[in-house]
């Protein structure tokens, strides 16, 4: 999967839904890479002529920044977010299908087990994402969004970018989300204390 003016996401899984909302998951980083609405995929480039191993989405994507880990261990709240999984002991563990044949992605990072479930909202307005980390979560943070601008709308709602999409926090345990300035713009982070659930509305 190619990123416009960016790198290629080599190991990715795209998941389609009858609600006409779809997403791509980056298996090299354990992160949600993009979402879109409309048709699913044009896989012609995979097999046409000699093929190049890529596919094209049939819609306008919302990208979640340059591929990087969703979870990081930070020594301070202003520490730089890692650009790859070097030094994290990251190990993908595949995925498990639920009763509706929807995948929950599994991996280990910093020695802890992570389960990442992304489900379409019933009204087709976006996705609900649940991230659960089992083990020692001390110093671990989840990056919820990165964008040139992130605006706190109150009551757990954040506007990401210039009316691009909304993020609705639903469960963060004792972790208090905060916005900070990062290398690629503003970042919305939350310390991991227990299960985290939020909605992506677009």
N, C-alpha and C. Protein backbone atom coordinates (compact mmCIF):
# COMPACT_ATOMS: atom_id res chain seq x y z
N UNK A 1 0.86 -1.18 0.00
CA UNK A 1 0.00 0.00 0.00
C UNK A 1 0.90 1.24 0.00
N UNK A 2 0.72 2.10 -0.99
CA UNK A 2 1.56 3.29 -1.11
C UNK A 2 0.91 4.50 -0.44
N UNK A 3 1.76 5.33 0.17
CA UNK A 3 1.32 6.59 0.75
C UNK A 3 1.70 7.69 -0.23
N UNK A 4 0.77 8.57 -0.61
CA UNK A 4 1.13 9.68 -1.49
C UNK A 4 2.27 10.50 -0.90
N UNK A 5 3.35 10.67 -1.67
CA UNK A 5 4.52 11.44 -1.23
C UNK A 5 5.12 10.86 0.05
N UNK A 6 4.98 9.56 0.24
CA UNK A 6 5.51 8.94 1.44
C UNK A 6 5.99 7.52 1.16
N UNK A 7 6.32 6.78 2.22
CA UNK A 7 6.83 5.41 2.04
C UNK A 7 5.73 4.43 1.70
N UNK A 8 6.13 3.24 1.33
CA UNK A 8 5.19 2.15 1.07
C UNK A 8 4.99 1.33 2.34
N UNK A 9 3.73 1.05 2.67
CA UNK A 9 3.42 0.16 3.78
C UNK A 9 3.43 -1.26 3.22
N UNK A 10 4.47 -2.01 3.55
CA UNK A 10 4.72 -3.29 2.89
C UNK A 10 3.83 -4.39 3.45
N UNK A 11 3.74 -4.48 4.77
CA UNK A 11 2.96 -5.54 5.40
C UNK A 11 1.69 -4.93 6.00
N UNK A 12 0.62 -4.99 5.24
CA UNK A 12 -0.63 -4.34 5.65
C UNK A 12 -1.81 -5.25 5.35
N UNK A 13 -2.86 -5.08 6.11
CA UNK A 13 -4.13 -5.78 5.87
C UNK A 13 -5.23 -4.73 5.76
N UNK A 14 -5.97 -4.77 4.66
CA UNK A 14 -7.12 -3.90 4.50
C UNK A 14 -8.38 -4.70 4.80
N UNK A 15 -9.27 -4.10 5.58
CA UNK A 15 -10.48 -4.77 6.04
C UNK A 15 -11.69 -3.98 5.55
N UNK A 16 -12.58 -4.65 4.81
CA UNK A 16 -13.77 -3.99 4.27
C UNK A 16 -15.02 -4.39 5.04
N UNK A 17 -16.03 -3.52 4.97
CA UNK A 17 -17.27 -3.75 5.70
C UNK A 17 -18.48 -3.39 4.84
N UNK A 18 -19.60 -4.05 5.04
CA UNK A 18 -20.81 -3.72 4.28
C UNK A 18 -21.34 -2.32 4.57
N UNK A 19 -20.92 -1.72 5.70
CA UNK A 19 -21.31 -0.34 6.01
C UNK A 19 -20.60 0.67 5.12
N UNK A 20 -19.75 0.17 4.21
CA UNK A 20 -19.01 1.02 3.27
C UNK A 20 -17.98 1.92 3.96
N UNK A 21 -17.48 1.48 5.10
CA UNK A 21 -16.32 2.11 5.73
C UNK A 21 -15.26 1.02 5.88
N UNK A 22 -14.00 1.38 5.58
CA UNK A 22 -12.94 0.40 5.50
C UNK A 22 -11.67 0.97 6.13
N UNK A 23 -10.71 0.09 6.42
CA UNK A 23 -9.46 0.57 7.00
C UNK A 23 -8.30 -0.33 6.59
N UNK A 24 -7.09 0.20 6.76
CA UNK A 24 -5.87 -0.56 6.53
C UNK A 24 -5.05 -0.55 7.82
N UNK A 25 -4.58 -1.73 8.19
CA UNK A 25 -3.80 -1.90 9.42
C UNK A 25 -2.35 -2.21 9.05
N UNK A 26 -1.43 -1.50 9.67
CA UNK A 26 0.00 -1.65 9.42
C UNK A 26 0.57 -2.70 10.37
N UNK A 27 0.89 -3.88 9.83
CA UNK A 27 1.37 -4.98 10.66
C UNK A 27 2.81 -4.79 11.13
N UNK A 28 3.56 -3.92 10.47
CA UNK A 28 4.94 -3.68 10.87
C UNK A 28 5.05 -2.79 12.11
N UNK A 29 3.97 -2.08 12.42
CA UNK A 29 4.00 -1.15 13.56
C UNK A 29 2.87 -1.36 14.55
N UNK A 30 1.92 -2.24 14.22
CA UNK A 30 0.76 -2.41 15.10
C UNK A 30 -0.06 -1.14 15.18
N UNK A 31 -0.38 -0.57 14.01
CA UNK A 31 -1.07 0.72 14.01
C UNK A 31 -2.10 0.80 12.90
N UNK A 32 -3.11 1.60 13.15
CA UNK A 32 -4.13 1.91 12.15
C UNK A 32 -3.54 2.93 11.19
N UNK A 33 -3.53 2.60 9.91
CA UNK A 33 -2.83 3.41 8.92
C UNK A 33 -3.74 4.39 8.20
N UNK A 34 -4.94 3.93 7.78
CA UNK A 34 -5.86 4.80 7.05
C UNK A 34 -7.27 4.25 7.14
N UNK A 35 -8.25 5.13 6.93
CA UNK A 35 -9.66 4.75 6.81
C UNK A 35 -10.22 5.45 5.58
N UNK A 36 -11.30 4.90 5.05
CA UNK A 36 -11.98 5.56 3.93
C UNK A 36 -13.40 5.06 3.81
N UNK A 37 -14.18 5.77 3.02
CA UNK A 37 -15.59 5.47 2.80
C UNK A 37 -15.83 5.23 1.31
N UNK A 38 -16.75 4.32 1.00
CA UNK A 38 -17.10 4.05 -0.40
C UNK A 38 -16.75 2.64 -0.80
N UNK A 39 -16.19 2.49 -2.01
CA UNK A 39 -15.77 1.18 -2.48
C UNK A 39 -14.57 0.68 -1.70
N UNK A 40 -14.23 -0.60 -1.93
CA UNK A 40 -13.16 -1.19 -1.13
C UNK A 40 -11.80 -1.04 -1.83
N UNK A 41 -11.36 -2.02 -2.58
CA UNK A 41 -10.02 -2.01 -3.15
C UNK A 41 -10.04 -2.34 -4.64
N UNK A 42 -9.10 -1.76 -5.36
CA UNK A 42 -8.74 -2.20 -6.70
C UNK A 42 -7.42 -2.95 -6.56
N UNK A 43 -7.49 -4.27 -6.68
CA UNK A 43 -6.29 -5.10 -6.50
C UNK A 43 -5.58 -5.40 -7.82
N UNK A 44 -5.98 -4.73 -8.89
CA UNK A 44 -5.37 -4.99 -10.20
C UNK A 44 -3.84 -4.90 -10.18
N UNK A 45 -3.24 -3.87 -9.52
CA UNK A 45 -1.77 -3.79 -9.55
C UNK A 45 -1.07 -5.01 -8.95
N UNK A 46 -1.77 -5.80 -8.15
CA UNK A 46 -1.13 -6.98 -7.55
C UNK A 46 -0.81 -8.05 -8.58
N UNK A 47 -1.68 -8.16 -9.61
CA UNK A 47 -1.52 -9.27 -10.54
C UNK A 47 -1.32 -8.83 -11.99
N UNK A 48 -1.62 -7.58 -12.34
CA UNK A 48 -1.52 -7.15 -13.73
C UNK A 48 -0.07 -7.18 -14.20
N UNK A 49 0.15 -7.71 -15.42
CA UNK A 49 1.50 -7.94 -15.93
C UNK A 49 2.28 -8.77 -14.90
N UNK A 50 3.35 -8.25 -14.39
CA UNK A 50 4.12 -9.00 -13.39
C UNK A 50 3.69 -8.67 -11.97
N UNK A 51 2.85 -7.64 -11.82
CA UNK A 51 2.37 -7.26 -10.50
C UNK A 51 3.42 -6.54 -9.68
N UNK A 52 2.97 -5.63 -8.82
CA UNK A 52 3.92 -4.91 -7.97
C UNK A 52 3.59 -5.03 -6.49
N UNK A 53 2.62 -5.89 -6.16
CA UNK A 53 2.31 -6.15 -4.75
C UNK A 53 1.48 -5.10 -4.06
N UNK A 54 0.92 -4.14 -4.81
CA UNK A 54 0.15 -3.07 -4.19
C UNK A 54 -1.32 -3.16 -4.58
N UNK A 55 -2.13 -2.41 -3.88
CA UNK A 55 -3.55 -2.25 -4.21
C UNK A 55 -3.92 -0.79 -4.04
N UNK A 56 -5.04 -0.40 -4.63
CA UNK A 56 -5.51 0.98 -4.54
C UNK A 56 -6.88 1.00 -3.88
N UNK A 57 -7.07 1.92 -2.97
CA UNK A 57 -8.38 2.04 -2.34
C UNK A 57 -9.34 2.74 -3.29
N UNK A 58 -10.62 2.45 -3.16
CA UNK A 58 -11.65 3.05 -4.00
C UNK A 58 -12.40 4.10 -3.18
N UNK A 59 -11.70 5.15 -2.83
CA UNK A 59 -12.27 6.22 -2.03
C UNK A 59 -11.20 7.22 -1.67
N UNK A 60 -11.58 8.22 -0.90
CA UNK A 60 -10.64 9.25 -0.45
C UNK A 60 -10.21 8.91 0.98
N UNK A 61 -8.93 8.61 1.18
CA UNK A 61 -8.49 8.14 2.49
C UNK A 61 -8.26 9.26 3.49
N UNK A 62 -8.40 8.92 4.74
CA UNK A 62 -7.87 9.73 5.83
C UNK A 62 -6.66 8.98 6.36
N UNK A 63 -5.47 9.57 6.19
CA UNK A 63 -4.25 8.95 6.67
C UNK A 63 -3.96 9.40 8.09
N UNK A 64 -3.37 8.52 8.86
CA UNK A 64 -3.04 8.82 10.25
C UNK A 64 -1.55 9.07 10.44
N UNK A 65 -0.96 9.78 9.49
CA UNK A 65 0.44 10.14 9.59
C UNK A 65 1.36 9.09 9.00
N UNK A 66 2.66 9.39 9.02
CA UNK A 66 3.67 8.45 8.54
C UNK A 66 3.65 7.21 9.43
N UNK A 67 3.70 6.02 8.84
CA UNK A 67 3.63 4.79 9.65
C UNK A 67 4.65 4.78 10.79
N UNK A 68 4.16 4.50 11.98
CA UNK A 68 4.99 4.43 13.19
C UNK A 68 4.19 3.68 14.25
N UNK A 69 4.82 3.25 15.32
CA UNK A 69 4.10 2.48 16.34
C UNK A 69 2.96 3.28 16.98
N UNK A 70 1.88 2.57 17.30
CA UNK A 70 0.77 3.21 18.00
C UNK A 70 1.07 3.37 19.48
N UNK A 71 1.92 2.49 20.01
CA UNK A 71 2.26 2.49 21.44
C UNK A 71 3.75 2.75 21.59
N UNK A 72 4.09 3.59 22.56
CA UNK A 72 5.50 3.87 22.84
C UNK A 72 5.71 4.01 24.33
N UNK A 73 6.93 3.71 24.77
CA UNK A 73 7.32 3.95 26.16
C UNK A 73 8.12 5.24 26.18
N UNK A 74 7.59 6.23 26.89
CA UNK A 74 8.22 7.55 26.95
C UNK A 74 8.80 7.79 28.33
N UNK A 75 10.00 8.33 28.36
CA UNK A 75 10.64 8.65 29.64
C UNK A 75 10.15 9.98 30.19
N UNK A 76 9.54 10.80 29.33
CA UNK A 76 8.96 12.08 29.73
C UNK A 76 7.85 12.41 28.74
N UNK A 77 6.91 13.25 29.15
CA UNK A 77 5.77 13.51 28.28
C UNK A 77 6.16 14.31 27.04
N UNK A 78 7.36 14.90 27.03
CA UNK A 78 7.81 15.61 25.85
C UNK A 78 8.85 14.83 25.05
N UNK A 79 9.06 13.55 25.40
CA UNK A 79 10.02 12.72 24.67
C UNK A 79 9.52 12.46 23.26
N UNK A 80 10.43 12.36 22.33
CA UNK A 80 10.07 12.17 20.92
C UNK A 80 9.41 10.82 20.70
N UNK A 81 8.35 10.81 19.89
CA UNK A 81 7.67 9.56 19.54
C UNK A 81 8.55 8.77 18.57
N UNK A 82 8.70 7.46 18.78
CA UNK A 82 9.58 6.67 17.90
C UNK A 82 9.04 6.60 16.48
N UNK A 83 9.95 6.54 15.52
CA UNK A 83 9.56 6.46 14.12
C UNK A 83 9.43 5.02 13.63
N UNK A 84 9.96 4.06 14.40
CA UNK A 84 9.82 2.65 14.04
C UNK A 84 9.89 1.82 15.33
N UNK A 85 9.90 0.50 15.18
CA UNK A 85 9.82 -0.37 16.35
C UNK A 85 11.18 -0.79 16.89
N UNK A 86 12.25 -0.19 16.41
CA UNK A 86 13.59 -0.53 16.89
C UNK A 86 13.67 -0.35 18.41
N UNK A 87 14.14 -1.37 19.11
CA UNK A 87 14.30 -1.30 20.55
C UNK A 87 13.05 -1.56 21.35
N UNK A 88 11.93 -1.88 20.69
CA UNK A 88 10.67 -2.10 21.41
C UNK A 88 10.36 -3.58 21.61
N UNK A 89 11.16 -4.47 21.01
CA UNK A 89 10.87 -5.91 21.02
C UNK A 89 9.49 -6.21 20.43
N UNK A 90 9.14 -5.44 19.41
CA UNK A 90 7.84 -5.62 18.75
C UNK A 90 7.80 -6.97 18.03
N UNK A 91 6.68 -7.69 18.23
CA UNK A 91 6.49 -8.98 17.56
C UNK A 91 5.01 -9.15 17.23
N UNK A 92 4.65 -9.15 15.95
CA UNK A 92 3.24 -9.37 15.59
C UNK A 92 2.84 -10.81 15.87
N UNK A 93 1.62 -10.98 16.37
CA UNK A 93 1.09 -12.31 16.69
C UNK A 93 -0.17 -12.62 15.90
N UNK A 94 -0.31 -12.01 14.72
CA UNK A 94 -1.45 -12.31 13.86
C UNK A 94 -2.73 -11.66 14.35
N UNK A 95 -3.83 -12.35 14.13
CA UNK A 95 -5.13 -11.82 14.54
C UNK A 95 -6.08 -12.97 14.81
N UNK A 96 -7.13 -12.66 15.58
CA UNK A 96 -8.18 -13.63 15.89
C UNK A 96 -9.50 -13.09 15.36
N UNK A 97 -10.32 -13.97 14.80
CA UNK A 97 -11.60 -13.56 14.25
C UNK A 97 -12.70 -13.75 15.29
N UNK A 98 -13.61 -12.78 15.37
CA UNK A 98 -14.73 -12.90 16.29
C UNK A 98 -15.90 -13.60 15.61
N UNK A 99 -17.05 -13.62 16.28
CA UNK A 99 -18.22 -14.34 15.76
C UNK A 99 -18.77 -13.72 14.48
N UNK A 100 -18.39 -12.46 14.20
CA UNK A 100 -18.83 -11.80 12.97
C UNK A 100 -17.72 -11.76 11.92
N UNK A 101 -16.69 -12.57 12.14
CA UNK A 101 -15.55 -12.65 11.22
C UNK A 101 -14.82 -11.32 11.08
N UNK A 102 -14.70 -10.60 12.18
CA UNK A 102 -13.93 -9.36 12.22
C UNK A 102 -12.66 -9.59 13.02
N UNK A 103 -11.52 -9.09 12.54
CA UNK A 103 -10.25 -9.42 13.18
C UNK A 103 -9.93 -8.52 14.38
N UNK A 104 -9.31 -9.13 15.38
CA UNK A 104 -8.65 -8.40 16.46
C UNK A 104 -7.16 -8.67 16.32
N UNK A 105 -6.38 -7.62 16.09
CA UNK A 105 -4.95 -7.78 15.85
C UNK A 105 -4.22 -7.94 17.18
N UNK A 106 -3.20 -8.78 17.15
CA UNK A 106 -2.45 -9.09 18.36
C UNK A 106 -0.96 -8.91 18.11
N UNK A 107 -0.28 -8.32 19.08
CA UNK A 107 1.17 -8.20 19.00
C UNK A 107 1.75 -7.97 20.38
N UNK A 108 3.05 -8.12 20.48
CA UNK A 108 3.77 -7.81 21.71
C UNK A 108 4.68 -6.62 21.46
N UNK A 109 4.76 -5.75 22.45
CA UNK A 109 5.65 -4.60 22.36
C UNK A 109 6.10 -4.25 23.78
N UNK A 110 7.38 -3.98 23.93
CA UNK A 110 7.98 -3.74 25.26
C UNK A 110 7.67 -4.90 26.21
N UNK A 111 7.53 -6.11 25.65
CA UNK A 111 7.28 -7.29 26.46
C UNK A 111 5.84 -7.48 26.88
N UNK A 112 4.93 -6.60 26.44
CA UNK A 112 3.53 -6.68 26.86
C UNK A 112 2.65 -7.10 25.67
N UNK A 113 1.56 -7.80 25.98
CA UNK A 113 0.63 -8.27 24.96
C UNK A 113 -0.41 -7.20 24.67
N UNK A 114 -0.66 -6.96 23.38
CA UNK A 114 -1.62 -5.95 22.95
C UNK A 114 -2.68 -6.61 22.07
N UNK A 115 -3.94 -6.24 22.30
CA UNK A 115 -5.04 -6.62 21.42
C UNK A 115 -5.69 -5.34 20.91
N UNK A 116 -5.88 -5.27 19.60
CA UNK A 116 -6.35 -4.05 18.94
C UNK A 116 -7.55 -4.42 18.07
N UNK A 117 -8.75 -4.01 18.50
CA UNK A 117 -9.98 -4.35 17.80
C UNK A 117 -10.60 -3.10 17.19
N UNK A 118 -10.84 -3.12 15.89
CA UNK A 118 -11.42 -1.99 15.16
C UNK A 118 -12.73 -2.47 14.55
N UNK A 119 -13.83 -1.82 14.93
CA UNK A 119 -15.15 -2.27 14.50
C UNK A 119 -15.93 -1.11 13.89
N UNK A 120 -16.69 -1.36 12.83
CA UNK A 120 -17.50 -0.28 12.24
C UNK A 120 -18.63 0.13 13.17
N UNK A 121 -18.89 1.43 13.22
CA UNK A 121 -20.04 1.91 13.98
C UNK A 121 -21.32 1.45 13.29
N UNK A 122 -22.35 1.21 14.08
CA UNK A 122 -23.60 0.67 13.53
C UNK A 122 -24.21 1.57 12.48
N UNK A 123 -24.02 2.88 12.63
CA UNK A 123 -24.63 3.82 11.68
C UNK A 123 -23.74 4.09 10.47
N UNK A 124 -22.59 3.40 10.40
CA UNK A 124 -21.68 3.60 9.28
C UNK A 124 -20.92 4.91 9.34
N UNK A 125 -20.92 5.57 10.49
CA UNK A 125 -20.28 6.88 10.60
C UNK A 125 -18.80 6.84 10.89
N UNK A 126 -18.23 5.64 11.01
CA UNK A 126 -16.81 5.54 11.31
C UNK A 126 -16.50 4.23 11.99
N UNK A 127 -15.56 4.27 12.93
CA UNK A 127 -15.10 3.06 13.60
C UNK A 127 -15.00 3.27 15.10
N UNK A 128 -15.18 2.18 15.83
CA UNK A 128 -14.84 2.12 17.25
C UNK A 128 -13.57 1.29 17.37
N UNK A 129 -12.61 1.81 18.14
CA UNK A 129 -11.34 1.10 18.31
C UNK A 129 -11.11 0.84 19.79
N UNK A 130 -10.77 -0.40 20.13
CA UNK A 130 -10.48 -0.79 21.50
C UNK A 130 -9.08 -1.37 21.57
N UNK A 131 -8.24 -0.77 22.40
CA UNK A 131 -6.86 -1.23 22.58
C UNK A 131 -6.70 -1.70 24.02
N UNK A 132 -6.27 -2.94 24.17
CA UNK A 132 -6.11 -3.52 25.50
C UNK A 132 -4.68 -4.05 25.64
N UNK A 133 -3.97 -3.59 26.67
CA UNK A 133 -2.60 -4.01 26.93
C UNK A 133 -2.58 -4.82 28.22
N UNK A 134 -2.01 -6.02 28.14
CA UNK A 134 -1.92 -6.90 29.30
C UNK A 134 -0.47 -6.93 29.79
N UNK A 135 -0.27 -6.62 31.06
CA UNK A 135 1.08 -6.65 31.62
C UNK A 135 1.44 -5.32 32.24
N UNK A 136 2.73 -5.04 32.29
CA UNK A 136 3.25 -3.82 32.92
C UNK A 136 3.09 -2.65 31.95
N UNK A 137 2.21 -1.72 32.28
CA UNK A 137 1.93 -0.59 31.38
C UNK A 137 2.64 0.68 31.82
N UNK A 138 3.51 0.59 32.81
CA UNK A 138 4.19 1.78 33.32
C UNK A 138 4.99 2.45 32.21
N UNK A 139 4.71 3.73 31.97
CA UNK A 139 5.43 4.50 30.97
C UNK A 139 4.94 4.33 29.56
N UNK A 140 3.89 3.52 29.35
CA UNK A 140 3.37 3.30 28.00
C UNK A 140 2.29 4.32 27.67
N UNK A 141 2.33 4.79 26.41
CA UNK A 141 1.35 5.75 25.91
C UNK A 141 0.79 5.24 24.59
N UNK A 142 -0.45 5.59 24.33
CA UNK A 142 -1.09 5.33 23.04
C UNK A 142 -1.25 6.66 22.32
N UNK A 143 -0.75 6.72 21.08
CA UNK A 143 -0.95 7.93 20.29
C UNK A 143 -2.25 7.77 19.51
N UNK A 144 -3.21 8.60 19.83
CA UNK A 144 -4.53 8.52 19.22
C UNK A 144 -4.60 9.22 17.88
N UNK A 145 -3.85 10.31 17.73
CA UNK A 145 -3.91 11.08 16.50
C UNK A 145 -2.67 11.95 16.37
N UNK A 146 -2.31 12.24 15.13
CA UNK A 146 -1.26 13.20 14.82
C UNK A 146 -1.74 14.01 13.63
N UNK A 147 -1.63 15.34 13.73
CA UNK A 147 -2.19 16.21 12.70
C UNK A 147 -1.60 17.61 12.87
N UNK A 148 -1.62 18.42 11.81
CA UNK A 148 -1.16 19.80 11.98
C UNK A 148 -1.91 20.54 13.09
N UNK A 149 -3.20 20.24 13.26
CA UNK A 149 -3.97 20.86 14.34
C UNK A 149 -4.88 19.82 14.99
N UNK A 150 -4.99 19.88 16.31
CA UNK A 150 -5.92 19.06 17.07
C UNK A 150 -6.62 19.98 18.05
N UNK A 151 -7.94 20.04 17.98
CA UNK A 151 -8.71 20.98 18.79
C UNK A 151 -9.62 20.23 19.75
N UNK A 152 -9.49 20.53 21.03
CA UNK A 152 -10.33 19.93 22.06
C UNK A 152 -11.70 20.60 22.02
N UNK A 153 -12.74 19.82 21.68
CA UNK A 153 -14.10 20.34 21.59
C UNK A 153 -14.87 20.19 22.91
N UNK A 154 -14.24 19.53 23.89
CA UNK A 154 -14.91 19.30 25.16
C UNK A 154 -15.65 17.98 25.18
N UNK A 155 -15.87 17.46 26.39
CA UNK A 155 -16.61 16.22 26.61
C UNK A 155 -16.00 15.04 25.86
N UNK A 156 -14.67 15.04 25.76
CA UNK A 156 -13.98 13.91 25.16
C UNK A 156 -13.95 13.90 23.65
N UNK A 157 -14.35 15.00 23.02
CA UNK A 157 -14.38 15.08 21.56
C UNK A 157 -13.25 15.98 21.08
N UNK A 158 -12.50 15.50 20.07
CA UNK A 158 -11.41 16.27 19.49
C UNK A 158 -11.61 16.37 17.98
N UNK A 159 -11.42 17.57 17.46
CA UNK A 159 -11.44 17.78 16.02
C UNK A 159 -10.01 17.61 15.51
N UNK A 160 -9.84 16.70 14.57
CA UNK A 160 -8.51 16.38 14.06
C UNK A 160 -8.35 17.02 12.68
N UNK A 161 -7.40 17.93 12.57
CA UNK A 161 -7.16 18.60 11.30
C UNK A 161 -8.23 19.64 11.01
N UNK A 162 -8.29 20.06 9.77
CA UNK A 162 -9.24 21.08 9.33
C UNK A 162 -10.55 20.41 8.93
N UNK A 163 -11.37 20.10 9.95
CA UNK A 163 -12.65 19.42 9.75
C UNK A 163 -12.49 18.08 9.04
N UNK A 164 -11.34 17.42 9.23
CA UNK A 164 -11.10 16.14 8.57
C UNK A 164 -11.90 15.02 9.23
N UNK A 165 -11.77 14.92 10.56
CA UNK A 165 -12.50 13.88 11.28
C UNK A 165 -12.53 14.21 12.76
N UNK A 166 -13.39 13.49 13.48
CA UNK A 166 -13.53 13.69 14.92
C UNK A 166 -13.12 12.42 15.66
N UNK A 167 -12.60 12.62 16.84
CA UNK A 167 -12.25 11.51 17.73
C UNK A 167 -13.05 11.68 19.02
N UNK A 168 -13.80 10.64 19.37
CA UNK A 168 -14.63 10.65 20.58
C UNK A 168 -14.08 9.64 21.57
N UNK A 169 -13.54 10.13 22.69
CA UNK A 169 -13.02 9.24 23.72
C UNK A 169 -14.18 8.64 24.51
N UNK A 170 -14.09 7.34 24.76
CA UNK A 170 -15.16 6.66 25.49
C UNK A 170 -14.66 5.98 26.76
N UNK A 171 -13.42 5.49 26.74
CA UNK A 171 -12.86 4.82 27.92
C UNK A 171 -11.34 4.97 27.89
N UNK A 172 -10.79 5.59 28.94
CA UNK A 172 -9.34 5.72 29.04
C UNK A 172 -8.81 5.30 30.40
N UNK A 173 -9.67 4.70 31.23
CA UNK A 173 -9.23 4.33 32.57
C UNK A 173 -8.84 5.56 33.36
N UNK A 174 -7.71 5.51 34.02
CA UNK A 174 -7.22 6.65 34.79
C UNK A 174 -6.32 7.56 33.96
N UNK A 175 -6.08 7.18 32.71
CA UNK A 175 -5.21 7.98 31.85
C UNK A 175 -5.91 9.23 31.35
N UNK A 176 -5.25 10.37 31.49
CA UNK A 176 -5.82 11.64 31.04
C UNK A 176 -5.18 12.03 29.71
N UNK A 177 -5.98 12.15 28.64
CA UNK A 177 -5.42 12.50 27.33
C UNK A 177 -4.88 13.93 27.32
N UNK A 178 -3.90 14.16 26.47
CA UNK A 178 -3.35 15.51 26.33
C UNK A 178 -2.81 15.70 24.92
N UNK A 179 -2.79 16.95 24.50
CA UNK A 179 -2.27 17.32 23.18
C UNK A 179 -0.90 17.96 23.38
N UNK A 180 0.06 17.56 22.55
CA UNK A 180 1.39 18.14 22.63
C UNK A 180 1.91 18.40 21.22
N UNK A 181 2.95 19.20 21.12
CA UNK A 181 3.60 19.45 19.84
C UNK A 181 4.63 18.35 19.59
N UNK A 182 4.56 17.76 18.38
CA UNK A 182 5.49 16.70 18.01
C UNK A 182 6.26 17.06 16.76
N UNK A 183 7.01 16.09 16.24
CA UNK A 183 7.83 16.33 15.06
C UNK A 183 7.00 16.52 13.80
N UNK A 184 5.82 15.90 13.76
CA UNK A 184 4.98 15.96 12.55
C UNK A 184 3.71 16.76 12.77
N UNK A 185 3.71 17.63 13.78
CA UNK A 185 2.51 18.41 14.09
C UNK A 185 2.09 18.17 15.53
N UNK A 186 0.82 18.31 15.79
CA UNK A 186 0.32 18.06 17.13
C UNK A 186 -0.04 16.58 17.29
N UNK A 187 0.11 16.10 18.52
CA UNK A 187 -0.17 14.70 18.82
C UNK A 187 -1.14 14.63 20.00
N UNK A 188 -2.10 13.72 19.88
CA UNK A 188 -3.02 13.44 20.98
C UNK A 188 -2.61 12.11 21.59
N UNK A 189 -2.16 12.16 22.85
CA UNK A 189 -1.66 10.98 23.55
C UNK A 189 -2.51 10.71 24.78
N UNK A 190 -2.48 9.45 25.22
CA UNK A 190 -3.10 9.09 26.49
C UNK A 190 -2.22 8.03 27.15
N UNK A 191 -1.89 8.22 28.44
CA UNK A 191 -1.15 7.17 29.15
C UNK A 191 -2.02 5.92 29.28
N UNK A 192 -1.40 4.77 29.10
CA UNK A 192 -2.14 3.51 29.17
C UNK A 192 -2.19 3.05 30.62
N UNK A 193 -3.39 2.96 31.16
CA UNK A 193 -3.57 2.42 32.51
C UNK A 193 -4.49 1.21 32.49
N UNK A 194 -5.30 1.10 31.47
CA UNK A 194 -6.23 -0.03 31.31
C UNK A 194 -6.70 0.00 29.86
N UNK A 195 -7.82 -0.64 29.59
CA UNK A 195 -8.38 -0.64 28.25
C UNK A 195 -8.70 0.78 27.79
N UNK A 196 -8.44 1.05 26.50
CA UNK A 196 -8.76 2.35 25.91
C UNK A 196 -9.70 2.11 24.74
N UNK A 197 -10.79 2.89 24.73
CA UNK A 197 -11.75 2.78 23.63
C UNK A 197 -12.11 4.18 23.14
N UNK A 198 -12.16 4.33 21.83
CA UNK A 198 -12.56 5.61 21.25
C UNK A 198 -13.16 5.38 19.87
N UNK A 199 -13.86 6.40 19.38
CA UNK A 199 -14.48 6.32 18.06
C UNK A 199 -13.80 7.28 17.10
N UNK A 200 -13.68 6.84 15.86
CA UNK A 200 -13.19 7.65 14.75
C UNK A 200 -14.39 7.97 13.89
N UNK A 201 -14.75 9.24 13.81
CA UNK A 201 -15.97 9.66 13.12
C UNK A 201 -15.58 10.52 11.92
N UNK A 202 -16.01 10.10 10.74
CA UNK A 202 -15.63 10.84 9.53
C UNK A 202 -16.72 10.75 8.48
